[in-house]
């Protein structure tokens, strides 16, 4: 009976060994490809930044002043939006209109006098040929005619001056903006130079930042900087760098343009944070932070080759910029690295790329959970 049991056991082992070598058994034990999300390795300029407070200003902000004397008949209320050329204030021009009518009458009289003197001069010149009039009378008439011409020119100039004052009685917006303050009201008598209101352009905004002189040379005109405030983020180019250092604060001013849609999120006078580079920009390889696997033995990523095979690559971490971080290692621009599912991979693992159709450059929402 024991002999029979030993024979059965030997037969069973033989059957198991034959099954283990069969293709069907091997297929059942094969590890399935592991699903991963990938993103592309890119080459770009990145550096560590330091947050510096900046203030939002309007690029166009003027005081509306009176150009002539007179009582005010209209001043736009604060909060009024005015397009370029719209009337924002008006001064009573009754006295100027009367002066204009008077000057027109004087000009008409000068024109009549000139016409008479021209006719008289023609007659005297005809009589002078027959010696029927004296040379003195002829010269006197010519002199009176010249004076009349001068009077007519002066009258025309005075008319232009009065018209120019009439035009100034109506004050128009030099650009599109909002009336943010009104210092004079209807009925008040104003003189040239009196401030009536304030007009502010709420669409063309800029950020002014006082940057420490230690960072001089690291911010240049045209550079793009990121700005943060109240859960909003915008990028803008440096419009100007003012190379004048404040003696007390040891800072210099830069002005950064804001995109038009920033006006919906931020307002003039608001303090925001501007990311100013601590070092000069350098070209480096960048990957999403989610691609990094941190272990005691070091930091590494998994590069996915064309056969969808994972390879463990040790990297050194550099400066970061939001969801991206600079790395150095055996990587090249265009390589694919796993950003989801990398924790379960090993060297040589076969993967199934879920975001294959999005391209190697896709980050597949690297900031997600």
Protein backbone atom coordinates (compact mmCIF):
# COMPACT_ATOMS: atom_id res chain seq x y z
CA UNK A 1 0.00 0.00 0.00
CA UNK A 2 2.92 2.26 0.74
CA UNK A 3 4.44 1.28 -2.56
CA UNK A 4 1.20 2.20 -4.27
CA UNK A 5 1.19 5.61 -2.57
CA UNK A 6 4.74 6.33 -3.64
CA UNK A 7 3.89 5.46 -7.23
CA UNK A 8 0.88 7.74 -7.16
CA UNK A 9 2.94 10.58 -5.77
CA UNK A 10 5.58 10.17 -8.49
CA UNK A 11 2.87 10.17 -11.15
CA UNK A 12 1.27 13.31 -9.68
CA UNK A 13 4.61 15.12 -9.65
CA UNK A 14 5.17 14.21 -13.26
CA UNK A 15 1.77 15.56 -14.24
CA UNK A 16 2.40 18.84 -12.39
CA UNK A 17 5.78 19.25 -14.03
CA UNK A 18 4.28 18.71 -17.45
CA UNK A 19 1.54 21.24 -16.77
CA UNK A 20 4.03 23.82 -15.57
CA UNK A 21 5.88 23.57 -18.86
CA UNK A 22 2.76 23.87 -20.97
CA UNK A 23 1.89 27.24 -22.71
CA UNK A 24 -1.52 27.33 -21.01
CA UNK A 25 0.03 27.30 -17.53
CA UNK A 26 2.59 29.94 -18.48
CA UNK A 27 -0.17 32.21 -19.82
CA UNK A 28 -2.10 31.95 -16.58
CA UNK A 29 0.93 32.96 -14.47
CA UNK A 30 2.07 35.94 -16.68
CA UNK A 31 1.90 39.37 -14.91
CA UNK A 32 -0.54 41.73 -16.75
CA UNK A 33 0.74 45.18 -17.90
CA UNK A 34 0.44 47.81 -15.19
CA UNK A 35 -1.63 50.92 -16.04
CA UNK A 36 0.28 54.20 -15.86
CA UNK A 37 -0.06 57.80 -16.89
CA UNK A 38 2.95 59.39 -18.57
CA UNK A 39 4.27 62.86 -19.29
CA UNK A 40 7.06 64.11 -21.47
CA UNK A 41 10.46 65.33 -20.35
CA UNK A 42 10.97 68.88 -21.63
CA UNK A 43 13.89 71.27 -21.82
CA UNK A 44 13.15 74.77 -20.59
CA UNK A 45 14.46 77.61 -18.47
CA UNK A 46 13.69 77.36 -14.78
CA UNK A 47 15.11 78.74 -11.58
CA UNK A 48 14.20 79.09 -7.94
CA UNK A 49 12.14 82.20 -7.20
CA UNK A 50 11.47 84.38 -4.18
CA UNK A 51 8.06 86.02 -3.57
CA UNK A 52 8.16 89.82 -3.45
CA UNK A 53 5.16 92.04 -2.77
CA UNK A 54 3.93 94.17 -5.64
CA UNK A 55 1.13 96.72 -6.03
CA UNK A 56 -1.34 96.97 -8.92
CA UNK A 57 -1.52 100.34 -10.67
CA UNK A 58 -3.35 101.68 -13.67
CA UNK A 59 -1.17 102.67 -16.59
CA UNK A 60 -3.52 105.59 -17.31
CA UNK A 61 -4.62 107.65 -14.32
CA UNK A 62 -5.22 111.41 -14.67
CA UNK A 63 -6.83 114.30 -12.87
CA UNK A 64 -9.56 116.07 -14.83
CA UNK A 65 -8.91 119.83 -14.51
CA UNK A 66 -10.71 122.98 -15.62
CA UNK A 67 -9.22 124.87 -18.55
CA UNK A 68 -11.36 128.04 -18.31
CA UNK A 69 -13.13 130.01 -15.61
CA UNK A 70 -16.83 129.72 -14.97
CA UNK A 71 -19.53 127.89 -13.03
CA UNK A 72 -19.77 124.12 -13.41
CA UNK A 73 -22.95 122.75 -14.97
CA UNK A 74 -21.98 119.04 -15.02
CA UNK A 75 -19.43 116.67 -13.49
CA UNK A 76 -19.67 112.89 -13.97
CA UNK A 77 -20.39 110.90 -10.81
CA UNK A 78 -17.85 108.46 -9.32
CA UNK A 79 -18.24 105.01 -10.82
CA UNK A 80 -19.27 106.35 -14.22
CA UNK A 81 -17.60 104.52 -17.11
CA UNK A 82 -16.55 106.91 -19.87
CA UNK A 83 -15.26 106.00 -23.29
CA UNK A 84 -12.49 108.06 -24.87
CA UNK A 85 -14.11 111.32 -26.07
CA UNK A 86 -17.15 111.16 -23.78
CA UNK A 87 -18.09 114.32 -21.85
CA UNK A 88 -17.08 114.06 -18.19
CA UNK A 89 -17.50 117.74 -17.19
CA UNK A 90 -18.98 120.94 -18.62
CA UNK A 91 -18.52 124.61 -17.68
CA UNK A 92 -21.14 127.28 -18.36
CA UNK A 93 -20.17 128.96 -21.64
CA UNK A 94 -22.86 131.66 -21.84
CA UNK A 95 -20.38 134.52 -21.49
CA UNK A 96 -18.10 133.02 -24.14
CA UNK A 97 -20.95 132.62 -26.60
CA UNK A 98 -21.86 136.29 -26.14
CA UNK A 99 -18.24 137.28 -26.68
CA UNK A 100 -18.25 135.24 -29.86
CA UNK A 101 -21.33 137.02 -31.18
CA UNK A 102 -19.77 140.38 -30.35
CA UNK A 103 -16.53 139.48 -32.06
CA UNK A 104 -18.40 138.32 -35.15
CA UNK A 105 -20.08 141.72 -35.34
CA UNK A 106 -16.70 143.47 -35.02
CA UNK A 107 -15.26 141.28 -37.74
CA UNK A 108 -18.21 142.08 -39.99
CA UNK A 109 -17.68 145.81 -39.40
CA UNK A 110 -13.97 145.45 -40.22
CA UNK A 111 -14.91 143.64 -43.44
CA UNK A 112 -17.31 146.44 -44.48
CA UNK A 113 -14.68 149.10 -43.74
CA UNK A 114 -12.09 147.19 -45.77
CA UNK A 115 -14.45 146.85 -48.71
CA UNK A 116 -15.17 150.61 -48.67
CA UNK A 117 -11.50 151.55 -48.45
CA UNK A 118 -10.60 149.22 -51.33
CA UNK A 119 -13.22 150.92 -53.51
CA UNK A 120 -12.09 154.37 -52.47
CA UNK A 121 -8.47 153.49 -53.16
CA UNK A 122 -9.35 152.39 -56.70
CA UNK A 123 -11.11 155.70 -57.37
CA UNK A 124 -8.26 157.76 -55.99
CA UNK A 125 -5.73 155.89 -58.10
CA UNK A 126 -7.77 156.70 -61.21
CA UNK A 127 -7.96 160.37 -60.21
CA UNK A 128 -4.26 160.44 -59.43
CA UNK A 129 -3.50 159.82 -63.09
CA UNK A 130 -5.29 163.09 -63.98
CA UNK A 131 -3.84 164.88 -60.95
CA UNK A 132 -7.38 165.29 -59.59
CA UNK A 133 -6.28 164.06 -56.16
CA UNK A 134 -3.17 164.54 -54.11
CA UNK A 135 -0.53 161.98 -53.35
CA UNK A 136 -1.10 162.51 -49.64
CA UNK A 137 -4.77 161.56 -49.90
CA UNK A 138 -3.85 158.45 -51.85
CA UNK A 139 -1.26 157.38 -49.29
CA UNK A 140 -3.69 158.07 -46.42
CA UNK A 141 -6.32 155.89 -48.04
CA UNK A 142 -3.78 153.09 -48.59
CA UNK A 143 -2.79 153.32 -44.93
CA UNK A 144 -6.41 153.14 -43.77
CA UNK A 145 -6.95 150.16 -46.06
CA UNK A 146 -3.96 148.31 -44.55
CA UNK A 147 -5.19 149.04 -41.01
CA UNK A 148 -8.63 147.68 -41.93
CA UNK A 149 -7.03 144.47 -43.22
CA UNK A 150 -5.10 144.13 -39.97
CA UNK A 151 -8.28 144.71 -37.93
CA UNK A 152 -10.05 142.00 -39.88
CA UNK A 153 -7.18 139.54 -39.24
CA UNK A 154 -7.18 140.38 -35.53
CA UNK A 155 -10.96 139.85 -35.38
CA UNK A 156 -10.58 136.43 -37.02
CA UNK A 157 -7.87 135.43 -34.54
CA UNK A 158 -10.02 136.55 -31.60
CA UNK A 159 -12.87 134.46 -32.96
CA UNK A 160 -10.60 131.41 -33.09
CA UNK A 161 -9.46 132.06 -29.52
CA UNK A 162 -13.03 132.33 -28.26
CA UNK A 163 -13.96 129.15 -30.12
CA UNK A 164 -11.01 127.37 -28.54
CA UNK A 165 -12.22 128.45 -25.08
CA UNK A 166 -15.72 127.26 -25.96
CA UNK A 167 -14.28 123.87 -26.86
CA UNK A 168 -12.47 123.76 -23.51
CA UNK A 169 -15.71 124.43 -21.69
CA UNK A 170 -16.64 120.83 -22.58
CA UNK A 171 -14.15 118.46 -20.95
CA UNK A 172 -13.86 115.01 -22.56
CA UNK A 173 -12.23 111.79 -21.39
CA UNK A 174 -8.72 111.43 -22.90
CA UNK A 175 -9.03 107.62 -22.67
CA UNK A 176 -11.60 105.02 -21.65
CA UNK A 177 -11.90 104.56 -17.91
CA UNK A 178 -13.93 105.02 -14.74
CA UNK A 179 -14.48 108.22 -12.74
CA UNK A 180 -12.98 107.24 -9.38
CA UNK A 181 -13.32 110.58 -7.58
CA UNK A 182 -15.25 113.85 -7.92
CA UNK A 183 -13.84 116.92 -6.18
CA UNK A 184 -16.21 119.62 -7.54
CA UNK A 185 -19.97 119.74 -7.93
CA UNK A 186 -22.39 121.54 -10.24
CA UNK A 187 -22.78 125.25 -9.44
CA UNK A 188 -19.26 125.76 -8.10
CA UNK A 189 -17.15 128.43 -9.77
CA UNK A 190 -13.84 127.07 -11.00
CA UNK A 191 -10.67 128.54 -12.45
CA UNK A 192 -8.10 127.07 -14.86
CA UNK A 193 -6.16 124.30 -13.14
CA UNK A 194 -8.81 123.39 -10.54
CA UNK A 195 -9.14 119.60 -10.21
CA UNK A 196 -12.69 118.46 -10.98
CA UNK A 197 -12.47 114.65 -10.97
CA UNK A 198 -10.15 111.69 -11.43
CA UNK A 199 -10.26 109.26 -14.37
CA UNK A 200 -8.69 105.82 -14.06
CA UNK A 201 -8.17 103.20 -16.76
CA UNK A 202 -9.27 99.89 -15.24
CA UNK A 203 -8.29 97.72 -18.20
CA UNK A 204 -4.62 98.56 -18.80
CA UNK A 205 -3.01 97.53 -15.52
CA UNK A 206 0.55 96.97 -14.38
CA UNK A 207 2.30 95.71 -11.25
CA UNK A 208 5.06 97.76 -9.69
CA UNK A 209 7.57 95.81 -7.67
CA UNK A 210 10.42 97.08 -5.51
CA UNK A 211 13.15 94.49 -6.12
CA UNK A 212 16.25 94.28 -3.87
CA UNK A 213 19.44 95.30 -5.62
CA UNK A 214 20.81 91.81 -4.90
CA UNK A 215 18.66 90.56 -7.77
CA UNK A 216 19.82 93.21 -10.24
CA UNK A 217 20.66 91.64 -13.58
CA UNK A 218 18.33 88.69 -13.01
CA UNK A 219 15.23 90.53 -14.17
CA UNK A 220 15.28 92.08 -17.62
CA UNK A 221 12.80 93.79 -19.86
CA UNK A 222 10.62 91.21 -21.63
CA UNK A 223 11.09 88.46 -19.00
CA UNK A 224 7.92 86.67 -17.95
CA UNK A 225 7.09 86.57 -14.22
CA UNK A 226 4.33 84.75 -12.35
CA UNK A 227 2.05 86.66 -9.99
CA UNK A 228 -0.20 85.29 -7.26
CA UNK A 229 -3.04 86.72 -5.23
CA UNK A 230 -6.32 85.48 -3.70
CA UNK A 231 -6.18 82.03 -5.29
CA UNK A 232 -5.53 83.54 -8.71
CA UNK A 233 -2.41 83.29 -10.82
CA UNK A 234 -1.37 85.31 -13.87
CA UNK A 235 1.81 85.74 -15.87
CA UNK A 236 3.08 88.99 -17.33
CA UNK A 237 6.12 90.39 -19.09
CA UNK A 238 8.38 93.00 -17.55
CA UNK A 239 7.54 96.22 -19.39
CA UNK A 240 10.29 98.35 -17.92
CA UNK A 241 13.17 98.23 -15.45
CA UNK A 242 13.89 101.55 -13.75
CA UNK A 243 17.65 101.61 -13.06
CA UNK A 244 17.44 103.93 -10.06
CA UNK A 245 18.14 102.52 -6.60
CA UNK A 246 16.37 103.89 -3.54
CA UNK A 247 19.08 104.82 -1.04
CA UNK A 248 17.09 103.84 2.05
CA UNK A 249 15.44 100.61 0.90
CA UNK A 250 18.19 99.54 -1.53
CA UNK A 251 15.63 98.51 -4.12
CA UNK A 252 14.89 99.33 -7.74
CA UNK A 253 11.51 99.30 -9.46
CA UNK A 254 10.26 97.01 -12.19
CA UNK A 255 6.87 97.27 -13.90
CA UNK A 256 5.11 94.13 -15.08
CA UNK A 257 2.22 94.09 -17.54
CA UNK A 258 -1.02 92.41 -16.50
CA UNK A 259 -3.29 90.61 -18.99
CA UNK A 260 -6.73 92.14 -19.58
CA UNK A 261 -8.57 89.31 -17.79
CA UNK A 262 -6.62 90.04 -14.60
CA UNK A 263 -8.88 93.06 -14.05
CA UNK A 264 -11.78 90.70 -13.34
CA UNK A 265 -9.89 89.07 -10.46
CA UNK A 266 -7.68 91.87 -9.10
CA UNK A 267 -8.23 95.58 -8.51
CA UNK A 268 -6.09 98.71 -8.53
CA UNK A 269 -4.17 99.18 -5.29
CA UNK A 270 -4.23 95.49 -4.41
CA UNK A 271 -1.09 93.84 -3.03
CA UNK A 272 -0.02 90.64 -4.77
CA UNK A 273 3.02 88.34 -4.73
CA UNK A 274 5.47 88.32 -7.64
CA UNK A 275 7.87 85.41 -8.17
CA UNK A 276 11.27 86.98 -8.84
CA UNK A 277 14.13 84.62 -9.89
CA UNK A 278 16.94 84.26 -7.38
CA UNK A 279 19.44 83.22 -10.06
CA UNK A 280 19.83 83.67 -13.78
CA UNK A 281 17.64 81.46 -15.93
CA UNK A 282 19.35 78.29 -17.22
CA UNK A 283 18.23 75.67 -19.73
CA UNK A 284 17.50 72.39 -17.93
CA UNK A 285 15.40 69.22 -18.11
CA UNK A 286 12.03 69.46 -16.39
CA UNK A 287 9.54 66.79 -15.31
CA UNK A 288 6.29 66.92 -13.28
CA UNK A 289 6.78 66.56 -9.53
CA UNK A 290 4.47 63.53 -9.59
CA UNK A 291 7.10 61.63 -11.59
CA UNK A 292 9.56 61.69 -8.68
CA UNK A 293 9.82 58.67 -6.38
CA UNK A 294 11.60 59.51 -3.15
CA UNK A 295 13.35 56.67 -1.32
CA UNK A 296 16.12 56.37 1.25
CA UNK A 297 18.57 55.21 -1.38
CA UNK A 298 17.82 58.24 -3.57
CA UNK A 299 15.34 59.81 -5.97
CA UNK A 300 14.40 58.25 -9.27
CA UNK A 301 11.83 58.22 -12.06
CA UNK A 302 10.60 55.49 -14.37
CA UNK A 303 11.30 56.11 -18.05
CA UNK A 304 8.96 54.29 -20.44
CA UNK A 305 10.60 53.19 -23.69
CA UNK A 306 8.96 52.52 -27.07
CA UNK A 307 8.15 48.92 -26.07
CA UNK A 308 6.26 50.21 -23.02
CA UNK A 309 8.96 48.86 -20.72
CA UNK A 310 9.79 50.76 -17.52
CA UNK A 311 13.38 51.62 -16.67
CA UNK A 312 14.41 53.04 -13.32
CA UNK A 313 16.49 56.23 -13.73
CA UNK A 314 18.23 57.89 -10.77
CA UNK A 315 17.97 61.69 -10.87
CA UNK A 316 19.15 64.74 -8.96
CA UNK A 317 16.49 67.33 -8.11
CA UNK A 318 17.04 71.00 -9.01
CA UNK A 319 14.91 74.14 -8.79
CA UNK A 320 11.14 73.87 -8.88
CA UNK A 321 8.45 75.94 -10.53
CA UNK A 322 4.93 75.06 -9.45
CA UNK A 323 4.06 71.52 -10.55
CA UNK A 324 7.34 71.15 -12.49
CA UNK A 325 10.84 70.48 -11.19
CA UNK A 326 14.29 70.45 -12.78
CA UNK A 327 16.17 67.14 -12.80
CA UNK A 328 19.51 65.82 -14.01
CA UNK A 329 20.13 62.19 -14.97
CA UNK A 330 20.02 59.75 -17.88
CA UNK A 331 17.10 61.53 -19.55
CA UNK A 332 16.58 63.41 -22.81
CA UNK A 333 13.91 65.86 -24.01
CA UNK A 334 10.95 63.89 -25.34
CA UNK A 335 11.42 60.88 -23.04
CA UNK A 336 8.28 59.59 -21.35
CA UNK A 337 8.17 59.23 -17.57
CA UNK A 338 5.42 57.69 -15.44
CA UNK A 339 3.49 60.14 -13.29
CA UNK A 340 0.74 57.79 -12.07
CA UNK A 341 1.24 54.18 -11.07
CA UNK A 342 5.03 54.53 -10.88
CA UNK A 343 5.10 53.33 -7.24
CA UNK A 344 4.13 49.82 -8.34
CA UNK A 345 6.74 49.55 -11.09
CA UNK A 346 10.06 47.74 -11.12
CA UNK A 347 12.92 47.67 -13.56
CA UNK A 348 11.67 45.98 -16.74
CA UNK A 349 7.95 46.14 -15.87
CA UNK A 350 5.58 46.15 -18.83
CA UNK A 351 3.08 48.99 -18.68
CA UNK A 352 -0.16 49.99 -20.31
CA UNK A 353 -0.17 53.74 -21.04
CA UNK A 354 -3.66 54.99 -20.30
CA UNK A 355 -3.15 58.49 -21.76
CA UNK A 356 -1.47 57.21 -24.93
CA UNK A 357 -3.69 59.31 -27.19
CA UNK A 358 -2.76 62.56 -25.40
CA UNK A 359 0.87 62.49 -26.53
CA UNK A 360 4.15 62.30 -24.68
CA UNK A 361 4.01 65.95 -23.66
CA UNK A 362 0.77 65.57 -21.72
CA UNK A 363 1.00 65.85 -17.94
CA UNK A 364 -2.37 64.16 -17.45
CA UNK A 365 -3.30 66.48 -14.62
CA UNK A 366 -0.07 66.15 -12.64
CA UNK A 367 -1.36 68.19 -9.80
CA UNK A 368 -4.25 65.80 -9.10
CA UNK A 369 -4.46 63.17 -6.36
